[in-house]
Protein backbone atom coordinates (compact mmCIF):
# COMPACT_ATOMS: atom_id res chain seq x y z
CA UNK A 1 13.63 4.98 14.54
CA UNK A 2 11.98 4.84 17.96
CA UNK A 3 14.00 6.56 20.67
CA UNK A 4 14.37 3.35 22.57
CA UNK A 5 15.64 1.28 19.61
CA UNK A 6 19.16 -0.21 20.00
CA UNK A 7 21.99 2.27 19.19
CA UNK A 8 23.39 1.11 15.78
CA UNK A 9 27.16 1.15 16.45
CA UNK A 10 29.40 -1.84 16.09
CA UNK A 11 29.37 -3.86 19.25
CA UNK A 12 26.28 -2.17 20.68
CA UNK A 13 23.79 -4.30 18.83
CA UNK A 14 23.62 -7.79 20.40
CA UNK A 15 24.22 -10.54 17.97
CA UNK A 16 20.77 -12.05 18.46
CA UNK A 17 19.19 -8.73 17.66
CA UNK A 18 21.05 -7.69 14.53
CA UNK A 19 18.74 -9.33 12.10
CA UNK A 20 15.66 -7.94 13.78
CA UNK A 21 17.16 -4.39 13.83
CA UNK A 22 18.03 -4.73 10.10
CA UNK A 23 14.44 -5.79 9.25
CA UNK A 24 13.20 -2.87 11.44
CA UNK A 25 15.41 -0.45 9.51
CA UNK A 26 14.12 -1.72 6.17
CA UNK A 27 10.60 -1.47 7.21
CA UNK A 28 11.16 2.03 8.64
CA UNK A 29 12.60 3.33 5.42
CA UNK A 30 9.68 2.02 3.40
CA UNK A 31 11.71 1.65 0.14
CA UNK A 32 14.26 -0.82 -1.10
CA UNK A 33 17.68 -0.25 0.38
CA UNK A 34 21.16 -1.32 -0.71
CA UNK A 35 23.57 -3.06 1.59
CA UNK A 36 25.89 -0.01 1.72
CA UNK A 37 23.05 2.02 3.21
CA UNK A 38 22.51 -0.62 5.94
CA UNK A 39 26.22 -0.79 6.67
CA UNK A 40 26.18 2.98 7.38
CA UNK A 41 22.93 2.84 9.31
CA UNK A 42 23.82 -0.06 11.57
CA UNK A 43 27.56 0.56 11.94
CA UNK A 44 28.35 -3.13 11.39
CA UNK A 45 31.09 -4.68 9.21
CA UNK A 46 30.26 -5.10 5.50
CA UNK A 47 30.51 -9.01 5.59
CA UNK A 48 28.11 -9.10 8.60
CA UNK A 49 25.53 -6.84 6.84
CA UNK A 50 25.76 -8.83 3.64
CA UNK A 51 25.38 -12.11 5.57
CA UNK A 52 22.27 -10.87 7.40
CA UNK A 53 20.66 -9.62 4.21
CA UNK A 54 21.33 -12.76 2.44
CA UNK A 55 19.96 -14.86 5.40
CA UNK A 56 16.78 -12.67 5.45
CA UNK A 57 16.41 -13.08 1.70
CA UNK A 58 16.79 -16.78 1.87
CA UNK A 59 14.17 -17.09 4.56
CA UNK A 60 11.72 -14.81 2.76
CA UNK A 61 11.82 -11.78 4.96
CA UNK A 62 13.65 -9.63 2.28
CA UNK A 63 13.62 -9.93 -1.48
CA UNK A 64 15.63 -8.28 -4.20
CA UNK A 65 14.24 -5.25 -5.86
CA UNK A 66 13.85 -4.60 -9.52
CA UNK A 67 17.41 -3.53 -9.89
CA UNK A 68 18.85 -6.62 -8.34
CA UNK A 69 20.93 -4.76 -5.76
CA UNK A 70 18.57 -3.20 -3.32
CA UNK A 71 16.27 -5.19 -0.92
CA UNK A 72 12.78 -4.64 0.08
CA UNK A 73 10.23 -6.44 2.34
CA UNK A 74 9.76 -10.10 1.33
CA UNK A 75 6.57 -12.15 1.64
CA UNK A 76 7.24 -13.29 5.19
CA UNK A 77 7.87 -9.64 6.47
CA UNK A 78 4.82 -8.47 4.63
CA UNK A 79 2.73 -11.18 6.10
CA UNK A 80 4.05 -10.42 9.50
CA UNK A 81 3.02 -6.71 9.07
CA UNK A 82 -0.39 -7.84 7.81
CA UNK A 83 -0.88 -10.05 10.90
CA UNK A 84 0.02 -7.20 13.21
CA UNK A 85 -2.32 -4.64 11.61
CA UNK A 86 -4.99 -7.28 11.54
CA UNK A 87 -4.96 -7.87 15.24
CA UNK A 88 -8.31 -7.98 16.84
CA UNK A 89 -8.37 -4.62 18.72
CA UNK A 90 -7.04 -2.71 15.71
CA UNK A 91 -9.48 -4.35 13.43
CA UNK A 92 -12.46 -3.62 15.64
CA UNK A 93 -11.56 0.14 15.60
CA UNK A 94 -10.95 0.04 11.76
CA UNK A 95 -14.26 -1.65 11.09
CA UNK A 96 -16.09 0.90 13.22
CA UNK A 97 -14.69 3.66 10.94
CA UNK A 98 -15.45 1.84 7.82
CA UNK A 99 -18.99 1.05 8.93
CA UNK A 100 -19.59 4.70 9.61
CA UNK A 101 -18.46 5.65 6.21
CA UNK A 102 -20.41 2.87 4.46
CA UNK A 103 -23.58 3.83 6.23
CA UNK A 104 -23.14 7.55 5.64
CA UNK A 105 -22.37 7.07 1.91
CA UNK A 106 -24.54 4.10 1.17
CA UNK A 107 -21.90 2.20 -0.73
CA UNK A 108 -19.19 -0.50 -0.08
CA UNK A 109 -16.10 0.96 1.77
CA UNK A 110 -12.68 -0.71 1.41
CA UNK A 111 -9.26 -0.55 3.09
CA UNK A 112 -6.49 -1.83 0.93
CA UNK A 113 -2.70 -2.06 1.42
CA UNK A 114 0.06 -2.44 -1.24
CA UNK A 115 1.58 -5.83 -1.82
CA UNK A 116 4.34 -6.86 -4.26
CA UNK A 117 2.09 -7.42 -7.28
CA UNK A 118 -1.16 -5.54 -6.36
CA UNK A 119 -3.33 -4.14 -3.72
CA UNK A 120 -4.70 -6.48 -1.02
CA UNK A 121 -8.12 -5.74 0.49
CA UNK A 122 -7.52 -5.71 4.25
CA UNK A 123 -10.99 -4.80 5.42
CA UNK A 124 -14.30 -3.86 3.86
CA UNK A 125 -17.92 -3.13 4.84
CA UNK A 126 -20.51 -4.02 2.24
CA UNK A 127 -23.33 -1.77 1.13
CA UNK A 128 -26.91 -2.88 2.12
CA UNK A 129 -28.05 -2.63 -1.57
CA UNK A 130 -28.70 -6.07 -3.07
CA UNK A 131 -26.85 -4.95 -6.25
CA UNK A 132 -23.23 -4.99 -5.34
CA UNK A 133 -19.83 -6.06 -6.51
CA UNK A 134 -18.10 -8.69 -4.57
CA UNK A 135 -14.40 -8.33 -3.84
CA UNK A 136 -13.69 -10.38 -0.64
CA UNK A 137 -11.14 -9.51 1.98
CA UNK A 138 -7.78 -10.86 0.87
CA UNK A 139 -8.47 -10.14 -2.79
CA UNK A 140 -5.53 -8.83 -4.79
CA UNK A 141 -6.33 -6.23 -7.49
CA UNK A 142 -4.01 -4.64 -10.09
CA UNK A 143 -2.15 -1.37 -9.43
CA UNK A 144 -2.65 0.17 -12.81
CA UNK A 145 -6.42 -0.04 -13.31
CA UNK A 146 -7.89 0.38 -9.79
CA UNK A 147 -8.54 3.50 -7.77
CA UNK A 148 -6.53 2.16 -4.75
CA UNK A 149 -3.74 0.84 -7.03
CA UNK A 150 -3.31 4.10 -8.82
CA UNK A 151 -3.37 6.05 -5.58
CA UNK A 152 -0.34 3.84 -4.42
CA UNK A 153 1.52 4.14 -7.65
CA UNK A 154 1.17 7.88 -7.57
CA UNK A 155 3.04 7.87 -4.11
CA UNK A 156 6.17 6.32 -5.52
CA UNK A 157 9.37 8.21 -6.34
CA UNK A 158 9.73 8.89 -10.04
CA UNK A 159 12.56 6.53 -10.52
CA UNK A 160 10.80 3.74 -8.72
CA UNK A 161 7.55 4.33 -10.69
CA UNK A 162 9.34 4.30 -13.98
CA UNK A 163 10.91 0.91 -13.04
CA UNK A 164 7.49 -0.42 -11.96
CA UNK A 165 5.76 0.73 -15.08
CA UNK A 166 8.46 -0.91 -17.25
CA UNK A 167 8.39 -4.16 -15.26
CA UNK A 168 4.59 -4.68 -14.90
CA UNK A 169 2.48 -5.60 -17.85
CA UNK A 170 -0.39 -3.01 -18.22
CA UNK A 171 -3.01 -5.60 -19.28
CA UNK A 172 -6.46 -4.48 -20.27
CA UNK A 173 -9.07 -5.47 -17.88
CA UNK A 174 -11.86 -3.55 -19.69
CA UNK A 175 -11.96 -1.42 -22.80
CA UNK A 176 -11.42 1.61 -20.52
CA UNK A 177 -8.09 0.41 -18.97
CA UNK A 178 -5.12 2.54 -19.70
CA UNK A 179 -2.37 0.33 -21.18
CA UNK A 180 -0.04 3.16 -22.20
CA UNK A 181 2.77 3.70 -19.66
CA UNK A 182 3.24 7.38 -20.60
CA UNK A 183 -0.44 8.12 -20.36
CA UNK A 184 -0.69 6.39 -17.06
CA UNK A 185 2.28 8.27 -15.71
CA UNK A 186 0.52 11.53 -16.62
CA UNK A 187 -2.60 10.42 -14.79
CA UNK A 188 -0.57 9.44 -11.76
CA UNK A 189 0.97 13.00 -11.63
CA UNK A 190 -2.63 14.44 -11.66
CA UNK A 191 -3.58 12.02 -8.83
CA UNK A 192 -0.51 13.03 -6.84
CA UNK A 193 -1.42 16.72 -7.28
CA UNK A 194 -5.05 16.40 -6.34
CA UNK A 195 -4.82 13.86 -3.53
CA UNK A 196 -7.35 11.18 -4.76
CA UNK A 197 -7.66 8.73 -7.55
CA UNK A 198 -10.52 7.16 -9.61
CA UNK A 199 -11.50 4.11 -11.44
CA UNK A 200 -13.93 4.88 -14.29
CA UNK A 201 -14.92 1.29 -15.23
CA UNK A 202 -11.22 0.50 -15.83
CA UNK A 203 -11.01 -2.66 -13.64
CA UNK A 204 -14.58 -4.02 -13.94
CA UNK A 205 -17.10 -2.93 -16.52
CA UNK A 206 -19.99 -1.23 -14.80
CA UNK A 207 -18.06 -0.34 -11.66
CA UNK A 208 -16.70 3.10 -10.50
CA UNK A 209 -14.53 3.88 -7.51
CA UNK A 210 -12.72 6.63 -5.68
CA UNK A 211 -9.75 6.21 -3.39
CA UNK A 212 -7.77 8.47 -0.91
CA UNK A 213 -4.61 7.78 0.94
CA UNK A 214 -4.19 6.73 4.46
CA UNK A 215 -0.77 8.15 5.64
CA UNK A 216 1.47 7.40 8.41
CA UNK A 217 3.24 9.89 10.76
CA UNK A 218 5.98 10.54 8.10
CA UNK A 219 3.25 11.24 5.53
CA UNK A 220 4.01 8.01 3.67
CA UNK A 221 1.06 6.13 2.09
CA UNK A 222 0.41 2.98 4.16
CA UNK A 223 -3.09 2.09 2.82
CA UNK A 224 -5.95 3.42 0.78
CA UNK A 225 -9.53 4.02 1.62
CA UNK A 226 -11.96 3.70 -1.15
CA UNK A 227 -15.63 3.23 -2.11
CA UNK A 228 -17.03 1.64 -5.20
CA UNK A 229 -20.49 1.29 -6.76
CA UNK A 230 -22.27 -0.04 -9.87
CA UNK A 231 -22.92 2.67 -12.51
CA UNK A 232 -26.50 1.80 -12.46
CA UNK A 233 -26.70 3.47 -8.98
CA UNK A 234 -23.81 5.95 -8.84
CA UNK A 235 -21.78 7.88 -11.36
CA UNK A 236 -18.08 8.65 -10.83
CA UNK A 237 -19.14 12.26 -10.19
CA UNK A 238 -21.49 11.02 -7.45
CA UNK A 239 -18.60 9.31 -5.68
CA UNK A 240 -16.23 12.23 -5.93
CA UNK A 241 -18.76 14.28 -4.04
CA UNK A 242 -18.07 11.95 -1.02
CA UNK A 243 -14.41 12.97 -0.93
CA UNK A 244 -14.63 15.11 2.21
CA UNK A 245 -16.07 12.14 4.15
CA UNK A 246 -13.58 9.63 2.83
CA UNK A 247 -10.57 12.16 3.70
CA UNK A 248 -11.95 12.61 7.26
CA UNK A 249 -12.20 8.82 7.68
CA UNK A 250 -8.73 8.35 6.25
CA UNK A 251 -7.31 10.69 8.96
CA UNK A 252 -9.11 8.80 11.65
CA UNK A 253 -7.68 5.48 10.39
CA UNK A 254 -4.17 7.06 10.34
CA UNK A 255 -4.54 7.91 13.97
CA UNK A 256 -5.00 4.17 14.79
CA UNK A 257 -1.53 3.33 13.52
C-alpha cells in the first residue's frame, strides 16, 4: 500500500477509517480475499474484521466470490472506481491517446475494463468510415468470445480461471464462438504467452478484433485496449499487424494511472 497509508496494527487505525482501509486493501490486492487474510493484514480482532466485511457486503461495496468464503469488489466499489477513472482530466488524456490510435490505424479503438459478468466499454473513438459496428460506451460484452474479454481471462490465476469457466455459461454468439471450456483454456494459455488476444468473428459475425493489456505498476491487467473492424474492410491478419501501435498506446495509457 501507499507509504502514507495508516499503519494496520490494532488500535492504530481509527474506528472511522477501518472500513475504508479494508476496502483499500481489497482493491490493492486485486483478487478475492478471505477474512483471515484481512485479519492478518489489518491487525484487527477477528469479530471486528468479520463485522466490517459483512457491513461492506450488505451495502454492496463487497460481494462473495464463487467459493462463498472470499470477498471481492462489489457493484458499489466497482462503480466508485469507474467514476474515479472517468474523471474529466483523466478522460481527456485517455481520449487523446485513443484518438491518435484510431486516426493512425483507421479503425475504431476501445478501452474496456473487467466487471463481474463481462467487459465494460469505458471509452472509445469511432472510425471515420461509414461502415462501422456500434458498441456504445457502457456496453457490456462477454468474456469468452471477445478479444478484450479473453485478454482479461488469460490474466487470471489458474484456480480462479477454472472456477470462472465452470460458473459462466459459454454461450454461442456466432458459429465461431468457442463453447468448450478445455479448448478455451488452451487458447487463453496461448494468449497469455504471446501477450495479445483476438476475436475472429466469435462475438459478432462479420467483425474481427485484436486486444492488448493495459497494466498497472504491479503488472496486473487493469484494462484492455482493442480495435475492431468489419471483415469487408480488414482481415484479422490486417489487425494483428497493428499490434506495435496498440502496445505503445497501452503503455501510454498505463502511465496515466
